[in-house]
Amino acid sequence: MKLVIAISMLSLLMVGCVQRNPAPLAVIPARQIETQKVTLGNVQRIVKKGASSSEVIDALSSPNIVTSNPDNTETWVYDKILMEKENAFGDNGSVEVKSTRTMIVVIKFDKNRKVDTVQYRQTSY
């Protein structure tokens, strides 16, 4: 009988500790998700000569700059900057470490809206 009472009390205690409205997960703005798509891996893997403009948009999202050229072709530019901040802890206290990564991708399309050339530059500092 004491065992049944103990189990009942423990069950009530555990039910009382259950979080009814858990905190929502971190919300990532849509623009930040788009920025995460523009990676060197995605550019090298997906954006190749002959890829369609819709394939490029699916892989990298919308470009930052679109230029219409005199020969009825387009040039798209993706210019992304990612800044990160991290605290490192050690014997002498904490140190804030900041880093910046940039990715610039220039894609030229032919008259059929297929990728003609791809150029990119990635920096990290």
PDB file of N, CA and C in Angstrom:
ATOM      1  N   MET A   1       0.817  -1.196   0.000  1.00  0.00           N
ATOM      2  CA  MET A   1       0.000   0.000   0.000  1.00  0.00           C
ATOM      3  C   MET A   1       0.861   1.261   0.000  1.00  0.00           C
ATOM      4  N   LYS A   2       1.930   1.242   0.811  1.00  0.00           N
ATOM      5  CA  LYS A   2       2.822   2.397   0.848  1.00  0.00           C
ATOM      6  C   LYS A   2       3.480   2.612  -0.517  1.00  0.00           C
ATOM      7  N   LEU A   3       3.760   1.511  -1.217  1.00  0.00           N
ATOM      8  CA  LEU A   3       4.371   1.605  -2.545  1.00  0.00           C
ATOM      9  C   LEU A   3       3.423   2.289  -3.517  1.00  0.00           C
ATOM     10  N   VAL A   4       2.141   1.965  -3.467  1.00  0.00           N
ATOM     11  CA  VAL A   4       1.150   2.579  -4.353  1.00  0.00           C
ATOM     12  C   VAL A   4       1.040   4.070  -4.059  1.00  0.00           C
ATOM     13  N   ILE A   5       1.037   4.444  -2.788  1.00  0.00           N
ATOM     14  CA  ILE A   5       0.952   5.853  -2.416  1.00  0.00           C
ATOM     15  C   ILE A   5       2.198   6.596  -2.881  1.00  0.00           C
ATOM     16  N   ALA A   6       3.367   5.986  -2.719  1.00  0.00           N
ATOM     17  CA  ALA A   6       4.625   6.623  -3.129  1.00  0.00           C
ATOM     18  C   ALA A   6       4.656   6.841  -4.639  1.00  0.00           C
ATOM     19  N   ILE A   7       4.207   5.833  -5.392  1.00  0.00           N
ATOM     20  CA  ILE A   7       4.179   5.948  -6.862  1.00  0.00           C
ATOM     21  C   ILE A   7       3.177   7.019  -7.278  1.00  0.00           C
ATOM     22  N   SER A   8       2.033   7.089  -6.624  1.00  0.00           N
ATOM     23  CA  SER A   8       1.028   8.104  -6.940  1.00  0.00           C
ATOM     24  C   SER A   8       1.572   9.506  -6.671  1.00  0.00           C
ATOM     25  N   MET A   9       2.229   9.671  -5.517  1.00  0.00           N
ATOM     26  CA  MET A   9       2.788  10.982  -5.171  1.00  0.00           C
ATOM     27  C   MET A   9       3.865  11.383  -6.172  1.00  0.00           C
ATOM     28  N   LEU A  10       4.716  10.434  -6.550  1.00  0.00           N
ATOM     29  CA  LEU A  10       5.777  10.712  -7.517  1.00  0.00           C
ATOM     30  C   LEU A  10       5.180  11.090  -8.867  1.00  0.00           C
ATOM     31  N   SER A  11       4.119  10.400  -9.270  1.00  0.00           N
ATOM     32  CA  SER A  11       3.453  10.711 -10.542  1.00  0.00           C
ATOM     33  C   SER A  11       2.869  12.116 -10.534  1.00  0.00           C
ATOM     34  N   LEU A  12       2.212  12.490  -9.435  1.00  0.00           N
ATOM     35  CA  LEU A  12       1.649  13.834  -9.319  1.00  0.00           C
ATOM     36  C   LEU A  12       2.747  14.890  -9.355  1.00  0.00           C
ATOM     37  N   LEU A  13       3.852  14.603  -8.680  1.00  0.00           N
ATOM     38  CA  LEU A  13       4.962  15.545  -8.669  1.00  0.00           C
ATOM     39  C   LEU A  13       5.527  15.741 -10.079  1.00  0.00           C
ATOM     40  N   MET A  14       5.662  14.654 -10.823  1.00  0.00           N
ATOM     41  CA  MET A  14       6.210  14.732 -12.179  1.00  0.00           C
ATOM     42  C   MET A  14       5.254  15.459 -13.123  1.00  0.00           C
ATOM     43  N   VAL A  15       3.958  15.227 -12.968  1.00  0.00           N
ATOM     44  CA  VAL A  15       2.978  15.895 -13.812  1.00  0.00           C
ATOM     45  C   VAL A  15       3.000  17.394 -13.534  1.00  0.00           C
ATOM     46  N   GLY A  16       3.184  17.783 -12.290  1.00  0.00           N
ATOM     47  CA  GLY A  16       3.252  19.190 -11.929  1.00  0.00           C
ATOM     48  C   GLY A  16       4.475  19.883 -12.505  1.00  0.00           C
ATOM     49  N   CYS A  17       5.539  19.131 -12.816  1.00  0.00           N
ATOM     50  CA  CYS A  17       6.774  19.709 -13.347  1.00  0.00           C
ATOM     51  C   CYS A  17       6.784  19.805 -14.866  1.00  0.00           C
ATOM     52  N   VAL A  18       5.795  19.218 -15.505  1.00  0.00           N
ATOM     53  CA  VAL A  18       5.751  19.246 -16.963  1.00  0.00           C
ATOM     54  C   VAL A  18       5.482  20.669 -17.427  1.00  0.00           C
ATOM     55  N   GLN A  19       6.257  21.125 -18.382  1.00  0.00           N
ATOM     56  CA  GLN A  19       6.096  22.477 -18.911  1.00  0.00           C
ATOM     57  C   GLN A  19       4.940  22.473 -19.900  1.00  0.00           C
ATOM     58  N   ARG A  20       3.892  23.203 -19.574  1.00  0.00           N
ATOM     59  CA  ARG A  20       2.700  23.183 -20.407  1.00  0.00           C
ATOM     60  C   ARG A  20       2.868  23.977 -21.706  1.00  0.00           C
ATOM     61  N   ASN A  21       3.526  25.095 -21.654  1.00  0.00           N
ATOM     62  CA  ASN A  21       3.751  25.923 -22.840  1.00  0.00           C
ATOM     63  C   ASN A  21       5.251  26.054 -23.055  1.00  0.00           C
ATOM     64  N   PRO A  22       5.844  25.069 -23.697  1.00  0.00           N
ATOM     65  CA  PRO A  22       7.289  25.139 -23.879  1.00  0.00           C
ATOM     66  C   PRO A  22       7.681  26.364 -24.708  1.00  0.00           C
ATOM     67  N   ALA A  23       8.860  26.874 -24.410  1.00  0.00           N
ATOM     68  CA  ALA A  23       9.355  28.038 -25.152  1.00  0.00           C
ATOM     69  C   ALA A  23       9.506  27.658 -26.625  1.00  0.00           C
ATOM     70  N   PRO A  24       9.145  28.556 -27.523  1.00  0.00           N
ATOM     71  CA  PRO A  24       9.279  28.246 -28.950  1.00  0.00           C
ATOM     72  C   PRO A  24      10.749  28.129 -29.340  1.00  0.00           C
ATOM     73  N   LEU A  25      10.978  27.350 -30.351  1.00  0.00           N
ATOM     74  CA  LEU A  25      12.324  27.240 -30.880  1.00  0.00           C
ATOM     75  C   LEU A  25      12.731  28.580 -31.473  1.00  0.00           C
ATOM     76  N   ALA A  26      14.008  28.769 -31.610  1.00  0.00           N
ATOM     77  CA  ALA A  26      14.495  30.025 -32.177  1.00  0.00           C
ATOM     78  C   ALA A  26      13.909  30.221 -33.570  1.00  0.00           C
ATOM     79  N   VAL A  27      13.432  31.392 -33.822  1.00  0.00           N
ATOM     80  CA  VAL A  27      12.855  31.714 -35.123  1.00  0.00           C
ATOM     81  C   VAL A  27      13.954  32.328 -35.982  1.00  0.00           C
ATOM     82  N   ILE A  28      14.173  31.736 -37.140  1.00  0.00           N
ATOM     83  CA  ILE A  28      15.182  32.237 -38.060  1.00  0.00           C
ATOM     84  C   ILE A  28      14.464  33.031 -39.146  1.00  0.00           C
ATOM     85  N   PRO A  29      14.802  34.308 -39.280  1.00  0.00           N
ATOM     86  CA  PRO A  29      14.148  35.106 -40.322  1.00  0.00           C
ATOM     87  C   PRO A  29      14.355  34.497 -41.706  1.00  0.00           C
ATOM     88  N   ALA A  30      13.361  34.666 -42.568  1.00  0.00           N
ATOM     89  CA  ALA A  30      13.414  34.087 -43.918  1.00  0.00           C
ATOM     90  C   ALA A  30      14.655  34.540 -44.673  1.00  0.00           C
ATOM     91  N   ARG A  31      15.041  35.789 -44.512  1.00  0.00           N
ATOM     92  CA  ARG A  31      16.211  36.311 -45.233  1.00  0.00           C
ATOM     93  C   ARG A  31      17.480  35.595 -44.781  1.00  0.00           C
ATOM     94  N   GLN A  32      17.550  35.245 -43.478  1.00  0.00           N
ATOM     95  CA  GLN A  32      18.720  34.528 -42.981  1.00  0.00           C
ATOM     96  C   GLN A  32      18.770  33.113 -43.558  1.00  0.00           C
ATOM     97  N   ILE A  33      17.628  32.484 -43.729  1.00  0.00           N
ATOM     98  CA  ILE A  33      17.595  31.154 -44.333  1.00  0.00           C
ATOM     99  C   ILE A  33      18.089  31.231 -45.773  1.00  0.00           C
ATOM    100  N   GLU A  34      17.676  32.283 -46.502  1.00  0.00           N
ATOM    101  CA  GLU A  34      18.153  32.461 -47.872  1.00  0.00           C
ATOM    102  C   GLU A  34      19.661  32.632 -47.900  1.00  0.00           C
ATOM    103  N   THR A  35      20.189  33.378 -46.942  1.00  0.00           N
ATOM    104  CA  THR A  35      21.635  33.599 -46.885  1.00  0.00           C
ATOM    105  C   THR A  35      22.362  32.281 -46.665  1.00  0.00           C
ATOM    106  N   GLN A  36      21.777  31.398 -45.891  1.00  0.00           N
ATOM    107  CA  GLN A  36      22.413  30.120 -45.623  1.00  0.00           C
ATOM    108  C   GLN A  36      22.462  29.233 -46.861  1.00  0.00           C
ATOM    109  N   LYS A  37      21.637  29.486 -47.846  1.00  0.00           N
ATOM    110  CA  LYS A  37      21.661  28.698 -49.076  1.00  0.00           C
ATOM    111  C   LYS A  37      22.868  29.015 -49.949  1.00  0.00           C
ATOM    112  N   VAL A  38      23.370  30.235 -49.873  1.00  0.00           N
ATOM    113  CA  VAL A  38      24.487  30.645 -50.718  1.00  0.00           C
ATOM    114  C   VAL A  38      25.782  30.180 -50.053  1.00  0.00           C
ATOM    115  N   THR A  39      26.149  28.951 -50.344  1.00  0.00           N
ATOM    116  CA  THR A  39      27.383  28.388 -49.823  1.00  0.00           C
ATOM    117  C   THR A  39      28.262  27.964 -50.988  1.00  0.00           C
ATOM    118  N   LEU A  40      29.545  27.865 -50.727  1.00  0.00           N
ATOM    119  CA  LEU A  40      30.469  27.434 -51.765  1.00  0.00           C
ATOM    120  C   LEU A  40      30.092  26.046 -52.276  1.00  0.00           C
ATOM    121  N   GLY A  41      29.677  25.177 -51.379  1.00  0.00           N
ATOM    122  CA  GLY A  41      29.270  23.821 -51.772  1.00  0.00           C
ATOM    123  C   GLY A  41      28.093  23.823 -52.725  1.00  0.00           C
ATOM    124  N   ASN A  42      27.067  24.619 -52.425  1.00  0.00           N
ATOM    125  CA  ASN A  42      25.903  24.706 -53.314  1.00  0.00           C
ATOM    126  C   ASN A  42      26.280  25.282 -54.669  1.00  0.00           C
ATOM    127  N   VAL A  43      27.113  26.308 -54.663  1.00  0.00           N
ATOM    128  CA  VAL A  43      27.518  26.919 -55.933  1.00  0.00           C
ATOM    129  C   VAL A  43      28.272  25.907 -56.781  1.00  0.00           C
ATOM    130  N   GLN A  44      29.235  25.220 -56.191  1.00  0.00           N
ATOM    131  CA  GLN A  44      30.045  24.272 -56.963  1.00  0.00           C
ATOM    132  C   GLN A  44      29.249  23.044 -57.393  1.00  0.00           C
ATOM    133  N   ARG A  45      28.313  22.619 -56.572  1.00  0.00           N
ATOM    134  CA  ARG A  45      27.564  21.390 -56.847  1.00  0.00           C
ATOM    135  C   ARG A  45      26.421  21.611 -57.838  1.00  0.00           C
ATOM    136  N   ILE A  46      25.739  22.739 -57.748  1.00  0.00           N
ATOM    137  CA  ILE A  46      24.499  22.913 -58.506  1.00  0.00           C
ATOM    138  C   ILE A  46      24.634  23.883 -59.669  1.00  0.00           C
ATOM    139  N   VAL A  47      25.368  24.977 -59.472  1.00  0.00           N
ATOM    140  CA  VAL A  47      25.417  26.025 -60.483  1.00  0.00           C
ATOM    141  C   VAL A  47      26.522  25.709 -61.484  1.00  0.00           C
ATOM    142  N   LYS A  48      26.155  24.984 -62.506  1.00  0.00           N
ATOM    143  CA  LYS A  48      27.098  24.588 -63.554  1.00  0.00           C
ATOM    144  C   LYS A  48      26.591  25.072 -64.902  1.00  0.00           C
ATOM    145  N   LYS A  49      27.469  25.139 -65.856  1.00  0.00           N
ATOM    146  CA  LYS A  49      27.082  25.560 -67.203  1.00  0.00           C
ATOM    147  C   LYS A  49      25.920  24.690 -67.688  1.00  0.00           C
ATOM    148  N   GLY A  50      24.873  25.350 -68.173  1.00  0.00           N
ATOM    149  CA  GLY A  50      23.696  24.643 -68.675  1.00  0.00           C
ATOM    150  C   GLY A  50      22.558  24.529 -67.667  1.00  0.00           C
ATOM    151  N   ALA A  51      22.815  24.843 -66.392  1.00  0.00           N
ATOM    152  CA  ALA A  51      21.736  24.800 -65.394  1.00  0.00           C
ATOM    153  C   ALA A  51      20.722  25.906 -65.701  1.00  0.00           C
ATOM    154  N   SER A  52      19.461  25.638 -65.440  1.00  0.00           N
ATOM    155  CA  SER A  52      18.418  26.639 -65.719  1.00  0.00           C
ATOM    156  C   SER A  52      18.368  27.684 -64.612  1.00  0.00           C
ATOM    157  N   SER A  53      17.775  28.823 -64.936  1.00  0.00           N
ATOM    158  CA  SER A  53      17.645  29.888 -63.938  1.00  0.00           C
ATOM    159  C   SER A  53      16.779  29.436 -62.761  1.00  0.00           C
ATOM    160  N   SER A  54      15.778  28.608 -63.013  1.00  0.00           N
ATOM    161  CA  SER A  54      14.935  28.120 -61.910  1.00  0.00           C
ATOM    162  C   SER A  54      15.719  27.177 -60.996  1.00  0.00           C
ATOM    163  N   GLU A  55      16.639  26.391 -61.548  1.00  0.00           N
ATOM    164  CA  GLU A  55      17.489  25.535 -60.720  1.00  0.00           C
ATOM    165  C   GLU A  55      18.394  26.389 -59.823  1.00  0.00           C
ATOM    166  N   VAL A  56      18.881  27.477 -60.382  1.00  0.00           N
ATOM    167  CA  VAL A  56      19.740  28.378 -59.600  1.00  0.00           C
ATOM    168  C   VAL A  56      18.940  29.007 -58.467  1.00  0.00           C
ATOM    169  N   ILE A  57      17.723  29.460 -58.747  1.00  0.00           N
ATOM    170  CA  ILE A  57      16.888  30.061 -57.702  1.00  0.00           C
ATOM    171  C   ILE A  57      16.551  29.029 -56.631  1.00  0.00           C
ATOM    172  N   ASP A  58      16.232  27.811 -57.033  1.00  0.00           N
ATOM    173  CA  ASP A  58      15.947  26.758 -56.047  1.00  0.00           C
ATOM    174  C   ASP A  58      17.150  26.512 -55.146  1.00  0.00           C
ATOM    175  N   ALA A  59      18.345  26.570 -55.712  1.00  0.00           N
ATOM    176  CA  ALA A  59      19.557  26.274 -54.948  1.00  0.00           C
ATOM    177  C   ALA A  59      20.025  27.436 -54.098  1.00  0.00           C
ATOM    178  N   LEU A  60      19.933  28.663 -54.625  1.00  0.00           N
ATOM    179  CA  LEU A  60      20.544  29.808 -53.955  1.00  0.00           C
ATOM    180  C   LEU A  60      19.555  30.888 -53.516  1.00  0.00           C
ATOM    181  N   SER A  61      18.327  30.793 -53.894  1.00  0.00           N
ATOM    182  CA  SER A  61      17.284  31.792 -53.662  1.00  0.00           C
ATOM    183  C   SER A  61      17.436  32.953 -54.649  1.00  0.00           C
ATOM    184  N   SER A  62      16.765  34.035 -54.393  1.00  0.00           N
ATOM    185  CA  SER A  62      16.788  35.172 -55.316  1.00  0.00           C
ATOM    186  C   SER A  62      18.125  35.912 -55.245  1.00  0.00           C
ATOM    187  N   PRO A  63      18.610  36.393 -56.388  1.00  0.00           N
ATOM    188  CA  PRO A  63      19.877  37.135 -56.382  1.00  0.00           C
ATOM    189  C   PRO A  63      19.696  38.538 -55.798  1.00  0.00           C
ATOM    190  N   ASN A  64      20.801  39.139 -55.362  1.00  0.00           N
ATOM    191  CA  ASN A  64      20.777  40.510 -54.857  1.00  0.00           C
ATOM    192  C   ASN A  64      20.674  41.519 -55.998  1.00  0.00           C
ATOM    193  N   ILE A  65      21.349  41.226 -57.107  1.00  0.00           N
ATOM    194  CA  ILE A  65      21.382  42.148 -58.248  1.00  0.00           C
ATOM    195  C   ILE A  65      21.118  41.346 -59.520  1.00  0.00           C
ATOM    196  N   VAL A  66      20.258  41.876 -60.382  1.00  0.00           N
ATOM    197  CA  VAL A  66      20.012  41.290 -61.705  1.00  0.00           C
ATOM    198  C   VAL A  66      20.271  42.386 -62.731  1.00  0.00           C
ATOM    199  N   THR A  67      21.144  42.077 -63.677  1.00  0.00           N
ATOM    200  CA  THR A  67      21.476  43.041 -64.722  1.00  0.00           C
ATOM    201  C   THR A  67      21.037  42.485 -66.067  1.00  0.00           C
ATOM    202  N   SER A  68      20.321  43.310 -66.831  1.00  0.00           N
ATOM    203  CA  SER A  68      19.928  42.941 -68.184  1.00  0.00           C
ATOM    204  C   SER A  68      20.999  43.471 -69.137  1.00  0.00           C
ATOM    205  N   ASN A  69      21.584  42.587 -69.918  1.00  0.00           N
ATOM    206  CA  ASN A  69      22.680  42.952 -70.820  1.00  0.00           C
ATOM    207  C   ASN A  69      22.151  43.311 -72.209  1.00  0.00           C
ATOM    208  N   PRO A  70      22.920  44.066 -72.974  1.00  0.00           N
ATOM    209  CA  PRO A  70      22.479  44.491 -74.318  1.00  0.00           C
ATOM    210  C   PRO A  70      22.201  43.330 -75.271  1.00  0.00           C
ATOM    211  N   ASP A  71      22.820  42.182 -75.034  1.00  0.00           N
ATOM    212  CA  ASP A  71      22.612  41.040 -75.937  1.00  0.00           C
ATOM    213  C   ASP A  71      21.455  40.135 -75.483  1.00  0.00           C
ATOM    214  N   ASN A  72      20.521  40.681 -74.693  1.00  0.00           N
ATOM    215  CA  ASN A  72      19.340  39.949 -74.206  1.00  0.00           C
ATOM    216  C   ASN A  72      19.692  38.795 -73.274  1.00  0.00           C
ATOM    217  N   THR A  73      20.785  38.909 -72.565  1.00  0.00           N
ATOM    218  CA  THR A  73      21.148  37.940 -71.535  1.00  0.00           C
ATOM    219  C   THR A  73      21.062  38.637 -70.183  1.00  0.00           C
ATOM    220  N   GLU A  74      21.193  37.856 -69.118  1.00  0.00           N
ATOM    221  CA  GLU A  74      21.158  38.424 -67.772  1.00  0.00           C
ATOM    222  C   GLU A  74      22.396  38.010 -66.998  1.00  0.00           C
ATOM    223  N   THR A  75      22.760  38.851 -66.050  1.00  0.00           N
ATOM    224  CA  THR A  75      23.818  38.539 -65.100  1.00  0.00           C
ATOM    225  C   THR A  75      23.223  38.684 -63.705  1.00  0.00           C
ATOM    226  N   TRP A  76      23.397  37.650 -62.891  1.00  0.00           N
ATOM    227  CA  TRP A  76      22.897  37.672 -61.517  1.00  0.00           C
ATOM    228  C   TRP A  76      24.081  37.739 -60.572  1.00  0.00           C
ATOM    229  N   VAL A  77      23.926  38.527 -59.524  1.00  0.00           N
ATOM    230  CA  VAL A  77      24.971  38.643 -58.506  1.00  0.00           C
ATOM    231  C   VAL A  77      24.374  38.301 -57.144  1.00  0.00           C
ATOM    232  N   TYR A  78      25.034  37.398 -56.449  1.00  0.00           N
ATOM    233  CA  TYR A  78      24.715  37.073 -55.060  1.00  0.00           C
ATOM    234  C   TYR A  78      25.856  37.627 -54.217  1.00  0.00           C
ATOM    235  N   ASP A  79      25.516  38.461 -53.262  1.00  0.00           N
ATOM    236  CA  ASP A  79      26.531  39.088 -52.411  1.00  0.00           C
ATOM    237  C   ASP A  79      26.075  38.878 -50.966  1.00  0.00           C
ATOM    238  N   LYS A  80      26.692  37.940 -50.283  1.00  0.00           N
ATOM    239  CA  LYS A  80      26.262  37.578 -48.935  1.00  0.00           C
ATOM    240  C   LYS A  80      27.379  37.816 -47.934  1.00  0.00           C
ATOM    241  N   ILE A  81      27.002  38.322 -46.770  1.00  0.00           N
ATOM    242  CA  ILE A  81      27.942  38.553 -45.681  1.00  0.00           C
ATOM    243  C   ILE A  81      27.368  37.889 -44.433  1.00  0.00           C
ATOM    244  N   LEU A  82      28.203  37.116 -43.754  1.00  0.00           N
ATOM    245  CA  LEU A  82      27.801  36.444 -42.521  1.00  0.00           C
ATOM    246  C   LEU A  82      28.770  36.834 -41.424  1.00  0.00           C
ATOM    247  N   MET A  83      28.248  37.461 -40.369  1.00  0.00           N
ATOM    248  CA  MET A  83      29.076  37.836 -39.227  1.00  0.00           C
ATOM    249  C   MET A  83      28.690  36.963 -38.046  1.00  0.00           C
ATOM    250  N   GLU A  84      29.695  36.400 -37.395  1.00  0.00           N
ATOM    251  CA  GLU A  84      29.463  35.539 -36.246  1.00  0.00           C
ATOM    252  C   GLU A  84      30.233  36.079 -35.046  1.00  0.00           C
ATOM    253  N   LYS A  85      29.647  35.897 -33.870  1.00  0.00           N
ATOM    254  CA  LYS A  85      30.291  36.328 -32.642  1.00  0.00           C
ATOM    255  C   LYS A  85      30.207  35.160 -31.664  1.00  0.00           C
ATOM    256  N   GLU A  86      31.312  34.897 -30.978  1.00  0.00           N
ATOM    257  CA  GLU A  86      31.367  33.766 -30.071  1.00  0.00           C
ATOM    258  C   GLU A  86      32.220  34.159 -28.872  1.00  0.00           C
ATOM    259  N   ASN A  87      31.844  33.693 -27.706  1.00  0.00           N
ATOM    260  CA  ASN A  87      32.632  33.937 -26.506  1.00  0.00           C
ATOM    261  C   ASN A  87      33.448  32.690 -26.191  1.00  0.00           C
ATOM    262  N   ALA A  88      34.740  32.883 -26.017  1.00  0.00           N
ATOM    263  CA  ALA A  88      35.636  31.786 -25.649  1.00  0.00           C
ATOM    264  C   ALA A  88      36.060  32.006 -24.202  1.00  0.00           C
ATOM    265  N   PHE A  89      35.981  30.960 -23.408  1.00  0.00           N
ATOM    266  CA  PHE A  89      36.318  31.053 -21.992  1.00  0.00           C
ATOM    267  C   PHE A  89      37.609  30.306 -21.719  1.00  0.00           C
ATOM    268  N   GLY A  90      38.441  30.903 -20.896  1.00  0.00           N
ATOM    269  CA  GLY A  90      39.710  30.283 -20.537  1.00  0.00           C
ATOM    270  C   GLY A  90      40.118  30.654 -19.132  1.00  0.00           C
ATOM    271  N   ASP A  91      41.351  30.341 -18.777  1.00  0.00           N
ATOM    272  CA  ASP A  91      41.852  30.625 -17.431  1.00  0.00           C
ATOM    273  C   ASP A  91      41.911  32.117 -17.148  1.00  0.00           C
ATOM    274  N   ASN A  92      42.103  32.923 -18.160  1.00  0.00           N
ATOM    275  CA  ASN A  92      42.236  34.371 -17.989  1.00  0.00           C
ATOM    276  C   ASN A  92      40.925  35.123 -18.223  1.00  0.00           C
ATOM    277  N   GLY A  93      39.817  34.452 -18.180  1.00  0.00           N
ATOM    278  CA  GLY A  93      38.526  35.098 -18.393  1.00  0.00           C
ATOM    279  C   GLY A  93      37.944  34.747 -19.743  1.00  0.00           C
ATOM    280  N   SER A  94      37.083  35.621 -20.235  1.00  0.00           N
ATOM    281  CA  SER A  94      36.440  35.353 -21.517  1.00  0.00           C
ATOM    282  C   SER A  94      36.940  36.332 -22.576  1.00  0.00           C
ATOM    283  N   VAL A  95      36.915  35.857 -23.796  1.00  0.00           N
ATOM    284  CA  VAL A  95      37.332  36.658 -24.938  1.00  0.00           C
ATOM    285  C   VAL A  95      36.242  36.552 -25.992  1.00  0.00           C
ATOM    286  N   GLU A  96      35.877  37.693 -26.570  1.00  0.00           N
ATOM    287  CA  GLU A  96      34.885  37.683 -27.635  1.00  0.00           C
ATOM    288  C   GLU A  96      35.613  37.517 -28.970  1.00  0.00           C
ATOM    289  N   VAL A  97      35.209  36.500 -29.728  1.00  0.00           N
ATOM    290  CA  VAL A  97      35.824  36.214 -31.020  1.00  0.00           C
ATOM    291  C   VAL A  97      34.802  36.536 -32.103  1.00  0.00           C
ATOM    292  N   LYS A  98      35.180  37.400 -33.023  1.00  0.00           N
ATOM    293  CA  LYS A  98      34.296  37.774 -34.124  1.00  0.00           C
ATOM    294  C   LYS A  98      34.911  37.299 -35.432  1.00  0.00           C
ATOM    295  N   SER A  99      34.056  36.851 -36.333  1.00  0.00           N
ATOM    296  CA  SER A  99      34.530  36.466 -37.662  1.00  0.00           C
ATOM    297  C   SER A  99      33.510  36.917 -38.705  1.00  0.00           C
ATOM    298  N   THR A 100      34.010  37.145 -39.892  1.00  0.00           N
ATOM    299  CA  THR A 100      33.159  37.565 -40.997  1.00  0.00           C
ATOM    300  C   THR A 100      33.492  36.713 -42.217  1.00  0.00           C
ATOM    301  N   ARG A 101      32.453  36.240 -42.861  1.00  0.00           N
ATOM    302  CA  ARG A 101      32.628  35.506 -44.118  1.00  0.00           C
ATOM    303  C   ARG A 101      31.814  36.195 -45.192  1.00  0.00           C
ATOM    304  N   THR A 102      32.400  36.309 -46.359  1.00  0.00           N
ATOM    305  CA  THR A 102      31.677  36.885 -47.492  1.00  0.00           C
ATOM    306  C   THR A 102      31.680  35.891 -48.645  1.00  0.00           C
ATOM    307  N   MET A 103      30.661  35.970 -49.440  1.00  0.00           N
ATOM    308  CA  MET A 103      30.547  35.118 -50.620  1.00  0.00           C
ATOM    309  C   MET A 103      29.940  35.959 -51.725  1.00  0.00           C
ATOM    310  N   ILE A 104      30.657  36.111 -52.823  1.00  0.00           N
ATOM    311  CA  ILE A 104      30.164  36.838 -53.989  1.00  0.00           C
ATOM    312  C   ILE A 104      30.124  35.859 -55.154  1.00  0.00           C
ATOM    313  N   VAL A 105      28.969  35.743 -55.760  1.00  0.00           N
ATOM    314  CA  VAL A 105      28.782  34.834 -56.895  1.00  0.00           C
ATOM    315  C   VAL A 105      28.219  35.642 -58.056  1.00  0.00           C
ATOM    316  N   VAL A 106      28.847  35.530 -59.221  1.00  0.00           N
ATOM    317  CA  VAL A 106      28.376  36.205 -60.436  1.00  0.00           C
ATOM    318  C   VAL A 106      28.048  35.121 -61.459  1.00  0.00           C
ATOM    319  N   ILE A 107      26.793  35.094 -61.881  1.00  0.00           N
ATOM    320  CA  ILE A 107      26.326  34.071 -62.825  1.00  0.00           C
ATOM    321  C   ILE A 107      25.831  34.779 -64.080  1.00  0.00           C
ATOM    322  N   LYS A 108      26.397  34.398 -65.214  1.00  0.00           N
ATOM    323  CA  LYS A 108      25.948  34.948 -66.500  1.00  0.00           C
ATOM    324  C   LYS A 108      25.131  33.878 -67.212  1.00  0.00           C
ATOM    325  N   PHE A 109      23.953  34.305 -67.682  1.00  0.00           N
ATOM    326  CA  PHE A 109      23.049  33.399 -68.384  1.00  0.00           C
ATOM    327  C   PHE A 109      23.103  33.672 -69.881  1.00  0.00           C
ATOM    328  N   ASP A 110      22.828  32.632 -70.668  1.00  0.00           N
ATOM    329  CA  ASP A 110      22.753  32.821 -72.115  1.00  0.00           C
ATOM    330  C   ASP A 110      21.332  33.250 -72.487  1.00  0.00           C
ATOM    331  N   LYS A 111      21.046  33.354 -73.768  1.00  0.00           N
ATOM    332  CA  LYS A 111      19.737  33.822 -74.232  1.00  0.00           C
ATOM    333  C   LYS A 111      18.609  32.851 -73.891  1.00  0.00           C
ATOM    334  N   ASN A 112      18.960  31.586 -73.634  1.00  0.00           N
ATOM    335  CA  ASN A 112      17.957  30.577 -73.277  1.00  0.00           C
ATOM    336  C   ASN A 112      17.760  30.467 -71.768  1.00  0.00           C
ATOM    337  N   ARG A 113      18.317  31.427 -71.014  1.00  0.00           N
ATOM    338  CA  ARG A 113      18.236  31.456 -69.555  1.00  0.00           C
ATOM    339  C   ARG A 113      18.888  30.243 -68.910  1.00  0.00           C
ATOM    340  N   LYS A 114      19.976  29.792 -69.527  1.00  0.00           N
ATOM    341  CA  LYS A 114      20.797  28.715 -68.971  1.00  0.00           C
ATOM    342  C   LYS A 114      22.130  29.320 -68.531  1.00  0.00           C
ATOM    343  N   VAL A 115      22.738  28.746 -67.512  1.00  0.00           N
ATOM    344  CA  VAL A 115      24.010  29.264 -67.000  1.00  0.00           C
ATOM    345  C   VAL A 115      25.074  29.158 -68.079  1.00  0.00           C
ATOM    346  N   ASP A 116      25.746  30.275 -68.331  1.00  0.00           N
ATOM    347  CA  ASP A 116      26.856  30.298 -69.275  1.00  0.00           C
ATOM    348  C   ASP A 116      28.183  30.267 -68.517  1.00  0.00           C
ATOM    349  N   THR A 117      28.347  31.174 -67.555  1.00  0.00           N
ATOM    350  CA  THR A 117      29.572  31.185 -66.747  1.00  0.00           C
ATOM    351  C   THR A 117      29.228  31.448 -65.284  1.00  0.00           C
ATOM    352  N   VAL A 118      30.095  30.932 -64.407  1.00  0.00           N
ATOM    353  CA  VAL A 118      29.932  31.144 -62.961  1.00  0.00           C
ATOM    354  C   VAL A 118      31.292  31.574 -62.419  1.00  0.00           C
ATOM    355  N   GLN A 119      31.286  32.654 -61.656  1.00  0.00           N
ATOM    356  CA  GLN A 119      32.492  33.085 -60.963  1.00  0.00           C
ATOM    357  C   GLN A 119      32.120  33.337 -59.510  1.00  0.00           C
ATOM    358  N   TYR A 120      33.040  33.019 -58.617  1.00  0.00           N
ATOM    359  CA  TYR A 120      32.747  33.235 -57.202  1.00  0.00           C
ATOM    360  C   TYR A 120      34.024  33.549 -56.442  1.00  0.00           C
ATOM    361  N   ARG A 121      33.811  34.208 -55.320  1.00  0.00           N
ATOM    362  CA  ARG A 121      34.922  34.537 -54.416  1.00  0.00           C
ATOM    363  C   ARG A 121      34.393  34.425 -52.996  1.00  0.00           C
ATOM    364  N   GLN A 122      35.134  33.687 -52.179  1.00  0.00           N
ATOM    365  CA  GLN A 122      34.763  33.550 -50.771  1.00  0.00           C
ATOM    366  C   GLN A 122      35.921  34.053 -49.927  1.00  0.00           C
ATOM    367  N   THR A 123      35.619  34.865 -48.928  1.00  0.00           N
ATOM    368  CA  THR A 123      36.636  35.340 -48.004  1.00  0.00           C
ATOM    369  C   THR A 123      36.217  35.042 -46.580  1.00  0.00           C
ATOM    370  N   SER A 124      37.184  34.953 -45.725  1.00  0.00           N
ATOM    371  CA  SER A 124      36.923  34.720 -44.307  1.00  0.00           C
ATOM    372  C   SER A 124      37.964  35.460 -43.511  1.00  0.00           C
ATOM    373  N   TYR A 125      37.531  36.245 -42.569  1.00  0.00           N
ATOM    374  CA  TYR A 125      38.473  36.977 -41.719  1.00  0.00           C
ATOM    375  C   TYR A 125      37.863  37.245 -40.372  1.00  0.00           C
TER     376      TYR A 125
END
